[in-house]
């Protein structure tokens, strides 16, 4: 079970960012993630699979998020203010949440899986976005 740990091994990431990652794990049924190694453990966040920490902040995530369509998932990610890279893989039909535009520091966005809806125009509002890559995805419209 995922939760707070009182004896953290020298974790310089702010508690608010760690809590956001834990909430993402819980919200997205992380206990079923195939690659959720070390998530929610007492290990420092930089040792959690798919999490990149630069200095004292989470800067990128590489995770399998079957429910990227969920506004709550994106809302939790907005609590990671320095998040500038996001690589999501989905194994299910998924939909981009229009609130993706709230991830205003994204420079790199990679999605892999099957997306059947149009890419929301809100993706165009990510003014810092320089790399948008899709792999194995089928979109309609833009």
C-alpha atoms as a PDB file:
ATOM      1  CA  UNK A   1       0.000   0.000   0.000  1.00  0.00           C
ATOM      2  CA  UNK A   2       1.203   3.431  -0.884  1.00  0.00           C
ATOM      3  CA  UNK A   3       1.521   6.079   1.774  1.00  0.00           C
ATOM      4  CA  UNK A   4       3.684   8.526   3.652  1.00  0.00           C
ATOM      5  CA  UNK A   5       6.881   7.337   5.234  1.00  0.00           C
ATOM      6  CA  UNK A   6       8.523   8.976   8.205  1.00  0.00           C
ATOM      7  CA  UNK A   7      12.030   7.660   7.623  1.00  0.00           C
ATOM      8  CA  UNK A   8      12.929   8.948   4.164  1.00  0.00           C
ATOM      9  CA  UNK A   9      16.446   8.248   2.934  1.00  0.00           C
ATOM     10  CA  UNK A  10      17.793  11.753   2.170  1.00  0.00           C
ATOM     11  CA  UNK A  11      14.996  12.874  -0.177  1.00  0.00           C
ATOM     12  CA  UNK A  12      15.504  16.459  -1.298  1.00  0.00           C
ATOM     13  CA  UNK A  13      12.274  16.606  -3.327  1.00  0.00           C
ATOM     14  CA  UNK A  14       9.639  18.783  -1.635  1.00  0.00           C
ATOM     15  CA  UNK A  15       6.959  16.860   0.228  1.00  0.00           C
ATOM     16  CA  UNK A  16       4.305  18.495  -1.977  1.00  0.00           C
ATOM     17  CA  UNK A  17       5.839  16.934  -5.118  1.00  0.00           C
ATOM     18  CA  UNK A  18       6.309  13.555  -3.437  1.00  0.00           C
ATOM     19  CA  UNK A  19       2.670  13.684  -2.293  1.00  0.00           C
ATOM     20  CA  UNK A  20       1.544  14.528  -5.845  1.00  0.00           C
ATOM     21  CA  UNK A  21       3.399  11.471  -7.182  1.00  0.00           C
ATOM     22  CA  UNK A  22       1.822   9.286  -4.495  1.00  0.00           C
ATOM     23  CA  UNK A  23      -1.616  10.687  -5.361  1.00  0.00           C
ATOM     24  CA  UNK A  24      -0.974   9.962  -9.058  1.00  0.00           C
ATOM     25  CA  UNK A  25      -0.001   6.402  -8.183  1.00  0.00           C
ATOM     26  CA  UNK A  26      -3.150   5.899  -6.097  1.00  0.00           C
ATOM     27  CA  UNK A  27      -5.486   7.656  -8.530  1.00  0.00           C
ATOM     28  CA  UNK A  28      -4.210   5.686 -11.496  1.00  0.00           C
ATOM     29  CA  UNK A  29      -4.263   2.279  -9.794  1.00  0.00           C
ATOM     30  CA  UNK A  30      -0.476   2.221  -9.575  1.00  0.00           C
ATOM     31  CA  UNK A  31      -0.476  -1.061  -7.721  1.00  0.00           C
ATOM     32  CA  UNK A  32      -1.239  -2.608 -11.139  1.00  0.00           C
ATOM     33  CA  UNK A  33       1.526  -0.754 -12.999  1.00  0.00           C
ATOM     34  CA  UNK A  34       3.988  -3.186 -14.501  1.00  0.00           C
ATOM     35  CA  UNK A  35       6.806  -0.714 -14.024  1.00  0.00           C
ATOM     36  CA  UNK A  36       5.969   1.005 -10.743  1.00  0.00           C
ATOM     37  CA  UNK A  37       9.214  -0.086  -9.087  1.00  0.00           C
ATOM     38  CA  UNK A  38       9.936   1.708  -5.804  1.00  0.00           C
ATOM     39  CA  UNK A  39       6.943   4.058  -6.088  1.00  0.00           C
ATOM     40  CA  UNK A  40       5.602   5.022  -2.675  1.00  0.00           C
ATOM     41  CA  UNK A  41       8.524   3.366  -0.949  1.00  0.00           C
ATOM     42  CA  UNK A  42      10.723   5.027   1.618  1.00  0.00           C
ATOM     43  CA  UNK A  43      13.407   5.379  -1.065  1.00  0.00           C
ATOM     44  CA  UNK A  44      14.114   8.870  -2.404  1.00  0.00           C
ATOM     45  CA  UNK A  45      11.877   9.908  -5.291  1.00  0.00           C
ATOM     46  CA  UNK A  46      14.807   9.871  -7.735  1.00  0.00           C
ATOM     47  CA  UNK A  47      14.927   6.085  -7.215  1.00  0.00           C
ATOM     48  CA  UNK A  48      11.294   5.608  -8.274  1.00  0.00           C
ATOM     49  CA  UNK A  49      11.057   4.075 -11.749  1.00  0.00           C
ATOM     50  CA  UNK A  50      10.366   6.669 -14.443  1.00  0.00           C
ATOM     51  CA  UNK A  51      10.897   9.728 -12.240  1.00  0.00           C
ATOM     52  CA  UNK A  52      13.709  12.140 -13.086  1.00  0.00           C
ATOM     53  CA  UNK A  53      14.789  14.615 -10.433  1.00  0.00           C
ATOM     54  CA  UNK A  54      17.008  17.579 -11.246  1.00  0.00           C
ATOM     55  CA  UNK A  55      18.356  19.374  -8.218  1.00  0.00           C
ATOM     56  CA  UNK A  56      15.516  19.222  -5.750  1.00  0.00           C
ATOM     57  CA  UNK A  57      12.533  18.981  -8.121  1.00  0.00           C
ATOM     58  CA  UNK A  58      10.775  16.378 -10.253  1.00  0.00           C
ATOM     59  CA  UNK A  59      11.419  17.353 -13.873  1.00  0.00           C
ATOM     60  CA  UNK A  60      10.091  14.428 -15.887  1.00  0.00           C
ATOM     61  CA  UNK A  61       7.914  11.349 -15.675  1.00  0.00           C
ATOM     62  CA  UNK A  62       7.939   8.239 -17.820  1.00  0.00           C
ATOM     63  CA  UNK A  63       4.931   6.190 -16.796  1.00  0.00           C
ATOM     64  CA  UNK A  64       2.166   3.964 -18.058  1.00  0.00           C
ATOM     65  CA  UNK A  65      -1.010   5.903 -17.407  1.00  0.00           C
ATOM     66  CA  UNK A  66      -4.046   4.037 -18.667  1.00  0.00           C
ATOM     67  CA  UNK A  67      -6.340   6.893 -17.710  1.00  0.00           C
ATOM     68  CA  UNK A  68      -4.697   9.956 -19.270  1.00  0.00           C
ATOM     69  CA  UNK A  69      -8.219  11.046 -20.140  1.00  0.00           C
ATOM     70  CA  UNK A  70      -8.956  11.665 -16.489  1.00  0.00           C
ATOM     71  CA  UNK A  71      -8.981  15.343 -15.550  1.00  0.00           C
ATOM     72  CA  UNK A  72      -7.945  14.345 -12.020  1.00  0.00           C
ATOM     73  CA  UNK A  73      -4.721  12.747 -13.301  1.00  0.00           C
ATOM     74  CA  UNK A  74      -3.745  15.970 -15.076  1.00  0.00           C
ATOM     75  CA  UNK A  75      -4.779  17.995 -12.021  1.00  0.00           C
ATOM     76  CA  UNK A  76      -2.415  15.963  -9.844  1.00  0.00           C
ATOM     77  CA  UNK A  77       0.404  16.494 -12.346  1.00  0.00           C
ATOM     78  CA  UNK A  78      -0.074  20.266 -12.109  1.00  0.00           C
ATOM     79  CA  UNK A  79       1.095  19.956  -8.502  1.00  0.00           C
ATOM     80  CA  UNK A  80       4.564  19.125  -9.856  1.00  0.00           C
ATOM     81  CA  UNK A  81       5.482  22.683 -10.883  1.00  0.00           C
ATOM     82  CA  UNK A  82       8.809  21.906 -12.576  1.00  0.00           C
ATOM     83  CA  UNK A  83       7.460  19.042 -14.692  1.00  0.00           C
ATOM     84  CA  UNK A  84       8.840  19.668 -18.170  1.00  0.00           C
ATOM     85  CA  UNK A  85       8.903  16.162 -19.637  1.00  0.00           C
ATOM     86  CA  UNK A  86       6.103  13.625 -19.781  1.00  0.00           C
ATOM     87  CA  UNK A  87       6.220  10.274 -21.536  1.00  0.00           C
ATOM     88  CA  UNK A  88       2.996   8.312 -21.213  1.00  0.00           C
ATOM     89  CA  UNK A  89       2.225   4.857 -22.443  1.00  0.00           C
ATOM     90  CA  UNK A  90      -1.290   3.529 -22.418  1.00  0.00           C
ATOM     91  CA  UNK A  91      -2.468   0.045 -23.133  1.00  0.00           C
ATOM     92  CA  UNK A  92      -6.098   1.013 -23.435  1.00  0.00           C
ATOM     93  CA  UNK A  93      -8.209   3.378 -25.450  1.00  0.00           C
ATOM     94  CA  UNK A  94      -7.512   6.734 -23.908  1.00  0.00           C
ATOM     95  CA  UNK A  95      -8.401  10.351 -24.368  1.00  0.00           C
ATOM     96  CA  UNK A  96      -6.387  13.478 -23.832  1.00  0.00           C
ATOM     97  CA  UNK A  97      -7.841  15.539 -21.039  1.00  0.00           C
ATOM     98  CA  UNK A  98      -8.250  19.119 -22.311  1.00  0.00           C
ATOM     99  CA  UNK A  99      -6.737  20.295 -19.022  1.00  0.00           C
ATOM    100  CA  UNK A 100      -3.372  19.071 -20.372  1.00  0.00           C
ATOM    101  CA  UNK A 101      -2.826  22.769 -21.162  1.00  0.00           C
ATOM    102  CA  UNK A 102      -2.380  23.352 -17.421  1.00  0.00           C
ATOM    103  CA  UNK A 103       0.968  21.530 -17.603  1.00  0.00           C
ATOM    104  CA  UNK A 104       2.421  24.817 -18.784  1.00  0.00           C
ATOM    105  CA  UNK A 105       6.097  23.918 -18.278  1.00  0.00           C
ATOM    106  CA  UNK A 106       6.046  20.906 -20.596  1.00  0.00           C
ATOM    107  CA  UNK A 107       8.836  21.005 -23.149  1.00  0.00           C
ATOM    108  CA  UNK A 108       8.570  17.351 -24.191  1.00  0.00           C
ATOM    109  CA  UNK A 109       5.388  15.303 -24.471  1.00  0.00           C
ATOM    110  CA  UNK A 110       5.483  11.738 -25.763  1.00  0.00           C
ATOM    111  CA  UNK A 111       2.428   9.514 -25.939  1.00  0.00           C
ATOM    112  CA  UNK A 112       2.437   5.875 -26.908  1.00  0.00           C
ATOM    113  CA  UNK A 113      -0.717   3.850 -27.279  1.00  0.00           C
ATOM    114  CA  UNK A 114      -4.107   4.127 -28.847  1.00  0.00           C
ATOM    115  CA  UNK A 115      -5.864   7.467 -28.666  1.00  0.00           C
ATOM    116  CA  UNK A 116      -9.065   7.746 -30.619  1.00  0.00           C
ATOM    117  CA  UNK A 117     -10.185  11.270 -29.932  1.00  0.00           C
ATOM    118  CA  UNK A 118      -8.896  14.421 -31.545  1.00  0.00           C
ATOM    119  CA  UNK A 119      -5.862  15.992 -29.953  1.00  0.00           C
ATOM    120  CA  UNK A 120      -7.465  18.835 -28.022  1.00  0.00           C
ATOM    121  CA  UNK A 121      -6.572  22.317 -29.223  1.00  0.00           C
ATOM    122  CA  UNK A 122      -5.388  22.988 -25.664  1.00  0.00           C
ATOM    123  CA  UNK A 123      -2.149  21.133 -26.518  1.00  0.00           C
ATOM    124  CA  UNK A 124      -1.406  24.117 -28.755  1.00  0.00           C
ATOM    125  CA  UNK A 125      -1.520  26.326 -25.651  1.00  0.00           C
ATOM    126  CA  UNK A 126       1.608  24.642 -24.248  1.00  0.00           C
ATOM    127  CA  UNK A 127       3.837  27.560 -25.232  1.00  0.00           C
ATOM    128  CA  UNK A 128       7.085  25.890 -24.082  1.00  0.00           C
ATOM    129  CA  UNK A 129       6.360  22.585 -25.865  1.00  0.00           C
ATOM    130  CA  UNK A 130       9.139  21.842 -28.340  1.00  0.00           C
ATOM    131  CA  UNK A 131       8.808  18.083 -28.822  1.00  0.00           C
ATOM    132  CA  UNK A 132       5.470  16.351 -29.268  1.00  0.00           C
ATOM    133  CA  UNK A 133       5.882  12.720 -30.276  1.00  0.00           C
ATOM    134  CA  UNK A 134       3.323   9.991 -30.789  1.00  0.00           C
ATOM    135  CA  UNK A 135       4.135   6.326 -31.182  1.00  0.00           C
ATOM    136  CA  UNK A 136       1.604   3.706 -32.184  1.00  0.00           C
ATOM    137  CA  UNK A 137      -1.171   6.229 -31.742  1.00  0.00           C
ATOM    138  CA  UNK A 138      -4.103   6.979 -33.981  1.00  0.00           C
ATOM    139  CA  UNK A 139      -5.594  10.429 -33.704  1.00  0.00           C
ATOM    140  CA  UNK A 140      -8.457  12.079 -35.464  1.00  0.00           C
ATOM    141  CA  UNK A 141      -8.350  15.776 -36.240  1.00  0.00           C
ATOM    142  CA  UNK A 142      -6.141  18.473 -34.749  1.00  0.00           C
END
